[in-house]
Amino acid sequence: MPYPVYRPRRLRESPLLRKMVRETTLRTDDLILPLFVIHGRGSREPISSMPGQARLTIDELLKECKDAASMGIPAVLLFGLPQEKDPRGSEAYAEDGIIQQAVRAVKETIPDLLVITDVCLCEYTSHGHCGIVEDGRVKNDPTLDLIARTALSHAEAGADMVAPSDMMDGHVGAIREALDEAGYQETPIMAYSAKYASAFYGPFREAADSAPQFGDRRGYQMDPANAMEAMREVALDVDEGADIVMVKPALPYLDIISRVKSDFGLPVAAYSVSGEYAMIRAAGQLGWLDEERAIMEVLIGIRRAGADLIITYFAKDAARLIEQGRQ
């Protein structure tokens, strides 16, 4: 279709035409809002590296959840900060742990809001790693029991979905078995299947107070250079019973999102992580870019790559912009 027979600009001249031929759309239903929960009451602790985000006591969390639900955001992803940490991350699976309390409160107050819980130990362990540490090494198999116990405790508290982020081999299978044996066959698992050892997690580690006290997490999170490994990781999680598979982070791994969507017949989630949020927010505050346009461009790009669900700290901003028709 050579010029002048075919003129692509014909379909770009009118805002209405541009809207009608748009190939990718972003809906509020596609968004999941991550939130940080702390013990106490009446407190919103600002996160310095994530302007606009805060650690919330449960009463403040409920306000945030009500606000999100009123905007049409269908789901939240909860991260907890314990009162005390120990080598085994005991509060992660305690009946009265912060996440367990938060889940019960949200489900009692806003029952129609989907509550997803992050299942990991790093926020709860004194060493900051995602599993049991022996002789200076994170041990995979001894960790599986604690990960499964944590997921089960969340389901018992009323979580609608559990999301294991520890990257231990076999964790999805261990969780599925524990949930099924306890009668929670209908509780889905959203697995952090391709989770890379990324520099973009920096602000989150401040927010969740989860920085490792020694070493790093490259022994269990993925090398950013690897793509085929991501396909193997996703395949393992699918075989073990994952209902949704996730790629994390999102922006540097759009190719992985696309390949996962193409190769597997499951819903794909993408986590637009704290560092992605912080970059856009900081540049917007400094006037270096149009923040609202950048938010929507990034989220549309993640959707275009193949993500069905997007976990983003910009969920409320995006919901407002979608409502205004500003895609």
Foldseek 3Di string as FASTA:
>chain_A
DDPPVDDVCVQVPDPVSCVVPDPFDDALQQEEEEAEEEDDPDDWAAQVLQPPHTHYYLVVVLVVQVLSVVLVNQEYEYDYAFPAAAQALVLLQDLPRRLLVNQLVNCVRPVRRAYEYEQFRLLRHPQLAGAHDDPRDHDQPVRLVVSLSSLCSNVVSPHQEYEYDRQRPPNLLSNCVSCVVVPNNVHAYEYQQQFAQDPLQVSVCSRSVRAGNDDGCPVRHDHLVDQVVSVVSVVSNVVSHHQEYEYPAQPSVLVNLLVCQVPDDHAYEHENHSSNSSVLVVCVVVVVDVSLVVVVVVVSSSVVSPHSHYYDNCSVVVSVCVVVVND
